[in-house]
PDB file of N, CA and C in Angstrom:
ATOM      1  N   MET A   1       4.603   9.814  19.526  1.00  0.00           N
ATOM      2  CA  MET A   1       3.804  10.589  18.596  1.00  0.00           C
ATOM      3  C   MET A   1       4.480  10.552  17.231  1.00  0.00           C
ATOM      4  N   GLY A   2       3.697  10.507  16.167  1.00  0.00           N
ATOM      5  CA  GLY A   2       4.226  10.419  14.817  1.00  0.00           C
ATOM      6  C   GLY A   2       4.856  11.711  14.346  1.00  0.00           C
ATOM      7  N   THR A   3       5.652  11.576  13.323  1.00  0.00           N
ATOM      8  CA  THR A   3       6.297  12.728  12.710  1.00  0.00           C
ATOM      9  C   THR A   3       5.350  13.355  11.700  1.00  0.00           C
ATOM     10  N   ILE A   4       5.306  14.669  11.672  1.00  0.00           N
ATOM     11  CA  ILE A   4       4.492  15.367  10.680  1.00  0.00           C
ATOM     12  C   ILE A   4       5.256  15.367   9.361  1.00  0.00           C
ATOM     13  N   MET A   5       4.577  14.913   8.292  1.00  0.00           N
ATOM     14  CA  MET A   5       5.213  14.830   6.981  1.00  0.00           C
ATOM     15  C   MET A   5       4.471  15.731   6.008  1.00  0.00           C
ATOM     16  N   PRO A   6       5.169  16.182   4.977  1.00  0.00           N
ATOM     17  CA  PRO A   6       4.491  16.953   3.936  1.00  0.00           C
ATOM     18  C   PRO A   6       3.378  16.118   3.306  1.00  0.00           C
ATOM     19  N   GLN A   7       2.355  16.796   2.802  1.00  0.00           N
ATOM     20  CA  GLN A   7       1.231  16.102   2.187  1.00  0.00           C
ATOM     21  C   GLN A   7       1.724  15.181   1.080  1.00  0.00           C
ATOM     22  N   GLY A   8       1.293  13.935   1.118  1.00  0.00           N
ATOM     23  CA  GLY A   8       1.672  12.968   0.099  1.00  0.00           C
ATOM     24  C   GLY A   8       2.922  12.179   0.422  1.00  0.00           C
ATOM     25  N   GLU A   9       3.700  12.615   1.392  1.00  0.00           N
ATOM     26  CA  GLU A   9       4.948  11.921   1.721  1.00  0.00           C
ATOM     27  C   GLU A   9       4.671  10.532   2.298  1.00  0.00           C
ATOM     28  N   ALA A  10       3.662  10.408   3.139  1.00  0.00           N
ATOM     29  CA  ALA A  10       3.351   9.117   3.757  1.00  0.00           C
ATOM     30  C   ALA A  10       2.983   8.080   2.703  1.00  0.00           C
ATOM     31  N   ILE A  11       2.194   8.459   1.726  1.00  0.00           N
ATOM     32  CA  ILE A  11       1.790   7.504   0.689  1.00  0.00           C
ATOM     33  C   ILE A  11       2.989   7.109  -0.168  1.00  0.00           C
ATOM     34  N   ARG A  12       3.881   8.052  -0.446  1.00  0.00           N
ATOM     35  CA  ARG A  12       5.097   7.722  -1.205  1.00  0.00           C
ATOM     36  C   ARG A  12       5.956   6.733  -0.427  1.00  0.00           C
ATOM     37  N   GLN A  13       6.108   6.969   0.864  1.00  0.00           N
ATOM     38  CA  GLN A  13       6.897   6.059   1.690  1.00  0.00           C
ATOM     39  C   GLN A  13       6.240   4.685   1.774  1.00  0.00           C
ATOM     40  N   ALA A  14       4.925   4.653   1.842  1.00  0.00           N
ATOM     41  CA  ALA A  14       4.204   3.383   1.903  1.00  0.00           C
ATOM     42  C   ALA A  14       4.402   2.580   0.620  1.00  0.00           C
ATOM     43  N   VAL A  15       4.304   3.227  -0.531  1.00  0.00           N
ATOM     44  CA  VAL A  15       4.513   2.538  -1.814  1.00  0.00           C
ATOM     45  C   VAL A  15       5.932   1.983  -1.876  1.00  0.00           C
ATOM     46  N   LYS A  16       6.896   2.773  -1.472  1.00  0.00           N
ATOM     47  CA  LYS A  16       8.296   2.327  -1.477  1.00  0.00           C
ATOM     48  C   LYS A  16       8.483   1.141  -0.538  1.00  0.00           C
ATOM     49  N   TRP A  17       7.931   1.222   0.666  1.00  0.00           N
ATOM     50  CA  TRP A  17       8.080   0.164   1.664  1.00  0.00           C
ATOM     51  C   TRP A  17       7.445  -1.139   1.171  1.00  0.00           C
ATOM     52  N   ILE A  18       6.224  -1.057   0.639  1.00  0.00           N
ATOM     53  CA  ILE A  18       5.550  -2.256   0.135  1.00  0.00           C
ATOM     54  C   ILE A  18       6.350  -2.865  -1.013  1.00  0.00           C
ATOM     55  N   SER A  19       6.845  -2.036  -1.910  1.00  0.00           N
ATOM     56  CA  SER A  19       7.625  -2.527  -3.047  1.00  0.00           C
ATOM     57  C   SER A  19       8.874  -3.266  -2.585  1.00  0.00           C
ATOM     58  N   GLU A  20       9.504  -2.772  -1.526  1.00  0.00           N
ATOM     59  CA  GLU A  20      10.707  -3.414  -0.995  1.00  0.00           C
ATOM     60  C   GLU A  20      10.382  -4.708  -0.251  1.00  0.00           C
ATOM     61  N   MET A  21       9.235  -4.761   0.404  1.00  0.00           N
ATOM     62  CA  MET A  21       8.890  -5.893   1.263  1.00  0.00           C
ATOM     63  C   MET A  21       8.240  -7.059   0.519  1.00  0.00           C
ATOM     64  N   ARG A  22       7.598  -6.790  -0.595  1.00  0.00           N
ATOM     65  CA  ARG A  22       6.853  -7.862  -1.251  1.00  0.00           C
ATOM     66  C   ARG A  22       7.790  -8.841  -1.940  1.00  0.00           C
ATOM     67  N   SER A  23       7.332 -10.082  -2.002  1.00  0.00           N
ATOM     68  CA  SER A  23       8.139 -11.128  -2.630  1.00  0.00           C
ATOM     69  C   SER A  23       7.261 -11.917  -3.589  1.00  0.00           C
ATOM     70  N   GLY A  24       6.962 -11.309  -4.703  1.00  0.00           N
ATOM     71  CA  GLY A  24       6.152 -11.998  -5.695  1.00  0.00           C
ATOM     72  C   GLY A  24       4.745 -11.458  -5.782  1.00  0.00           C
ATOM     73  N   GLU A  25       3.849 -12.325  -6.204  1.00  0.00           N
ATOM     74  CA  GLU A  25       2.480 -11.914  -6.507  1.00  0.00           C
ATOM     75  C   GLU A  25       1.459 -12.519  -5.551  1.00  0.00           C
ATOM     76  N   ASP A  26       1.879 -12.931  -4.362  1.00  0.00           N
ATOM     77  CA  ASP A  26       0.975 -13.536  -3.388  1.00  0.00           C
ATOM     78  C   ASP A  26      -0.049 -12.508  -2.908  1.00  0.00           C
ATOM     79  N   ILE A  27      -1.320 -12.758  -3.189  1.00  0.00           N
ATOM     80  CA  ILE A  27      -2.402 -11.826  -2.844  1.00  0.00           C
ATOM     81  C   ILE A  27      -2.488 -11.623  -1.334  1.00  0.00           C
ATOM     82  N   ASP A  28      -2.438 -12.726  -0.579  1.00  0.00           N
ATOM     83  CA  ASP A  28      -2.556 -12.610   0.879  1.00  0.00           C
ATOM     84  C   ASP A  28      -1.427 -11.771   1.454  1.00  0.00           C
ATOM     85  N   GLN A  29      -0.218 -11.969   0.952  1.00  0.00           N
ATOM     86  CA  GLN A  29       0.914 -11.174   1.428  1.00  0.00           C
ATOM     87  C   GLN A  29       0.695  -9.698   1.098  1.00  0.00           C
ATOM     88  N   MET A  30       0.203  -9.413  -0.092  1.00  0.00           N
ATOM     89  CA  MET A  30      -0.005  -8.027  -0.502  1.00  0.00           C
ATOM     90  C   MET A  30      -1.062  -7.353   0.372  1.00  0.00           C
ATOM     91  N   VAL A  31      -2.135  -8.056   0.666  1.00  0.00           N
ATOM     92  CA  VAL A  31      -3.180  -7.502   1.531  1.00  0.00           C
ATOM     93  C   VAL A  31      -2.598  -7.190   2.904  1.00  0.00           C
ATOM     94  N   ASN A  32      -1.806  -8.117   3.440  1.00  0.00           N
ATOM     95  CA  ASN A  32      -1.183  -7.891   4.749  1.00  0.00           C
ATOM     96  C   ASN A  32      -0.208  -6.725   4.712  1.00  0.00           C
ATOM     97  N   LEU A  33       0.577  -6.621   3.647  1.00  0.00           N
ATOM     98  CA  LEU A  33       1.526  -5.510   3.533  1.00  0.00           C
ATOM     99  C   LEU A  33       0.798  -4.169   3.463  1.00  0.00           C
ATOM    100  N   ILE A  34      -0.289  -4.124   2.725  1.00  0.00           N
ATOM    101  CA  ILE A  34      -1.059  -2.877   2.624  1.00  0.00           C
ATOM    102  C   ILE A  34      -1.657  -2.508   3.981  1.00  0.00           C
ATOM    103  N   ASP A  35      -2.181  -3.501   4.686  1.00  0.00           N
ATOM    104  CA  ASP A  35      -2.712  -3.237   6.030  1.00  0.00           C
ATOM    105  C   ASP A  35      -1.612  -2.733   6.959  1.00  0.00           C
ATOM    106  N   ASP A  36      -0.446  -3.385   6.911  1.00  0.00           N
ATOM    107  CA  ASP A  36       0.681  -2.964   7.749  1.00  0.00           C
ATOM    108  C   ASP A  36       1.144  -1.559   7.392  1.00  0.00           C
ATOM    109  N   ALA A  37       1.241  -1.274   6.094  1.00  0.00           N
ATOM    110  CA  ALA A  37       1.683   0.052   5.647  1.00  0.00           C
ATOM    111  C   ALA A  37       0.691   1.125   6.073  1.00  0.00           C
ATOM    112  N   SER A  38      -0.585   0.792   6.031  1.00  0.00           N
ATOM    113  CA  SER A  38      -1.609   1.747   6.432  1.00  0.00           C
ATOM    114  C   SER A  38      -1.422   2.165   7.888  1.00  0.00           C
ATOM    115  N   SER A  39      -1.125   1.205   8.733  1.00  0.00           N
ATOM    116  CA  SER A  39      -0.871   1.509  10.150  1.00  0.00           C
ATOM    117  C   SER A  39       0.478   2.181  10.352  1.00  0.00           C
ATOM    118  N   ARG A  40       1.503   1.622   9.718  1.00  0.00           N
ATOM    119  CA  ARG A  40       2.873   2.117   9.890  1.00  0.00           C
ATOM    120  C   ARG A  40       3.012   3.578   9.466  1.00  0.00           C
ATOM    121  N   PHE A  41       2.364   3.957   8.367  1.00  0.00           N
ATOM    122  CA  PHE A  41       2.503   5.305   7.818  1.00  0.00           C
ATOM    123  C   PHE A  41       1.286   6.188   8.104  1.00  0.00           C
ATOM    124  N   ASN A  42       0.387   5.696   8.967  1.00  0.00           N
ATOM    125  CA  ASN A  42      -0.781   6.466   9.400  1.00  0.00           C
ATOM    126  C   ASN A  42      -1.583   7.001   8.206  1.00  0.00           C
ATOM    127  N   LEU A  43      -1.926   6.089   7.298  1.00  0.00           N
ATOM    128  CA  LEU A  43      -2.632   6.481   6.083  1.00  0.00           C
ATOM    129  C   LEU A  43      -4.126   6.627   6.339  1.00  0.00           C
ATOM    130  N   SER A  44      -4.738   7.485   5.564  1.00  0.00           N
ATOM    131  CA  SER A  44      -6.189   7.652   5.627  1.00  0.00           C
ATOM    132  C   SER A  44      -6.852   6.482   4.889  1.00  0.00           C
ATOM    133  N   PRO A  45      -8.141   6.252   5.124  1.00  0.00           N
ATOM    134  CA  PRO A  45      -8.843   5.208   4.370  1.00  0.00           C
ATOM    135  C   PRO A  45      -8.747   5.423   2.855  1.00  0.00           C
ATOM    136  N   LYS A  46      -8.801   6.666   2.424  1.00  0.00           N
ATOM    137  CA  LYS A  46      -8.694   6.975   0.993  1.00  0.00           C
ATOM    138  C   LYS A  46      -7.317   6.574   0.455  1.00  0.00           C
ATOM    139  N   GLU A  47      -6.263   6.808   1.231  1.00  0.00           N
ATOM    140  CA  GLU A  47      -4.913   6.426   0.803  1.00  0.00           C
ATOM    141  C   GLU A  47      -4.763   4.905   0.770  1.00  0.00           C
ATOM    142  N   GLU A  48      -5.398   4.213   1.705  1.00  0.00           N
ATOM    143  CA  GLU A  48      -5.352   2.749   1.703  1.00  0.00           C
ATOM    144  C   GLU A  48      -6.058   2.194   0.462  1.00  0.00           C
ATOM    145  N   ILE A  49      -7.177   2.789   0.103  1.00  0.00           N
ATOM    146  CA  ILE A  49      -7.884   2.375  -1.115  1.00  0.00           C
ATOM    147  C   ILE A  49      -6.996   2.590  -2.331  1.00  0.00           C
ATOM    148  N   PHE A  50      -6.278   3.718  -2.364  1.00  0.00           N
ATOM    149  CA  PHE A  50      -5.353   3.972  -3.462  1.00  0.00           C
ATOM    150  C   PHE A  50      -4.304   2.863  -3.542  1.00  0.00           C
ATOM    151  N   LEU A  51      -3.724   2.479  -2.398  1.00  0.00           N
ATOM    152  CA  LEU A  51      -2.702   1.424  -2.402  1.00  0.00           C
ATOM    153  C   LEU A  51      -3.262   0.121  -2.956  1.00  0.00           C
ATOM    154  N   ARG A  52      -4.468  -0.232  -2.537  1.00  0.00           N
ATOM    155  CA  ARG A  52      -5.081  -1.470  -3.038  1.00  0.00           C
ATOM    156  C   ARG A  52      -5.263  -1.411  -4.558  1.00  0.00           C
ATOM    157  N   SER A  53      -5.690  -0.277  -5.043  1.00  0.00           N
ATOM    158  CA  SER A  53      -5.869  -0.098  -6.481  1.00  0.00           C
ATOM    159  C   SER A  53      -4.529  -0.118  -7.208  1.00  0.00           C
ATOM    160  N   TYR A  54      -3.567   0.607  -6.676  1.00  0.00           N
ATOM    161  CA  TYR A  54      -2.243   0.713  -7.294  1.00  0.00           C
ATOM    162  C   TYR A  54      -1.583  -0.658  -7.400  1.00  0.00           C
ATOM    163  N   PHE A  55      -1.575  -1.412  -6.310  1.00  0.00           N
ATOM    164  CA  PHE A  55      -0.887  -2.693  -6.332  1.00  0.00           C
ATOM    165  C   PHE A  55      -1.686  -3.789  -7.013  1.00  0.00           C
ATOM    166  N   SER A  56      -2.987  -3.649  -7.158  1.00  0.00           N
ATOM    167  CA  SER A  56      -3.728  -4.636  -7.943  1.00  0.00           C
ATOM    168  C   SER A  56      -3.362  -4.482  -9.413  1.00  0.00           C
ATOM    169  N   GLY A  57      -3.061  -3.265  -9.852  1.00  0.00           N
ATOM    170  CA  GLY A  57      -2.631  -3.014 -11.224  1.00  0.00           C
ATOM    171  C   GLY A  57      -1.241  -3.532 -11.508  1.00  0.00           C
ATOM    172  N   CYS A  58      -0.404  -3.656 -10.490  1.00  0.00           N
ATOM    173  CA  CYS A  58       0.958  -4.149 -10.673  1.00  0.00           C
ATOM    174  C   CYS A  58       0.977  -5.613 -11.066  1.00  0.00           C
ATOM    175  N   ARG A  59      -0.101  -6.321 -10.799  1.00  0.00           N
ATOM    176  CA  ARG A  59      -0.136  -7.738 -11.126  1.00  0.00           C
ATOM    177  C   ARG A  59      -0.478  -7.971 -12.584  1.00  0.00           C
ATOM    178  N   GLY A  60      -0.856  -6.917 -13.276  1.00  0.00           N
ATOM    179  CA  GLY A  60      -1.142  -7.052 -14.695  1.00  0.00           C
ATOM    180  C   GLY A  60      -2.484  -7.681 -15.000  1.00  0.00           C
ATOM    181  N   GLU A  61      -3.377  -7.700 -14.031  1.00  0.00           N
ATOM    182  CA  GLU A  61      -4.698  -8.261 -14.240  1.00  0.00           C
ATOM    183  C   GLU A  61      -5.725  -7.144 -14.138  1.00  0.00           C
ATOM    184  N   PRO A  62      -6.194  -6.618 -15.259  1.00  0.00           N
ATOM    185  CA  PRO A  62      -7.173  -5.533 -15.203  1.00  0.00           C
ATOM    186  C   PRO A  62      -8.385  -5.928 -14.379  1.00  0.00           C
ATOM    187  N   GLY A  63      -8.781  -5.022 -13.514  1.00  0.00           N
ATOM    188  CA  GLY A  63      -9.963  -5.267 -12.703  1.00  0.00           C
ATOM    189  C   GLY A  63      -9.729  -6.176 -11.519  1.00  0.00           C
ATOM    190  N   SER A  64      -8.491  -6.618 -11.305  1.00  0.00           N
ATOM    191  CA  SER A  64      -8.240  -7.479 -10.148  1.00  0.00           C
ATOM    192  C   SER A  64      -8.449  -6.676  -8.879  1.00  0.00           C
ATOM    193  N   ASP A  65      -8.821  -7.365  -7.824  1.00  0.00           N
ATOM    194  CA  ASP A  65      -9.237  -6.666  -6.614  1.00  0.00           C
ATOM    195  C   ASP A  65      -8.517  -7.233  -5.398  1.00  0.00           C
ATOM    196  N   LEU A  66      -7.881  -6.364  -4.620  1.00  0.00           N
ATOM    197  CA  LEU A  66      -7.188  -6.785  -3.403  1.00  0.00           C
ATOM    198  C   LEU A  66      -8.041  -6.451  -2.188  1.00  0.00           C
ATOM    199  N   GLN A  67      -9.121  -7.184  -1.976  1.00  0.00           N
ATOM    200  CA  GLN A  67      -9.977  -6.876  -0.821  1.00  0.00           C
ATOM    201  C   GLN A  67      -9.888  -7.939   0.193  1.00  0.00           C
TER     202      GLN A  67
END
């Protein structure tokens, strides 16, 4: 059974984990990392959408989409 975390802690841990795991700007890798983080940190669909939006902005391409 998962550990109960304070509200918002899971998303913070997911952002940190993805940032540590990624190696460059590979879109496919980023999509896989976000999917893995969503499962690993038990994120809601809304939190997963946030991650996709957050990390698409990290690439410096306005409007880029990680779907």
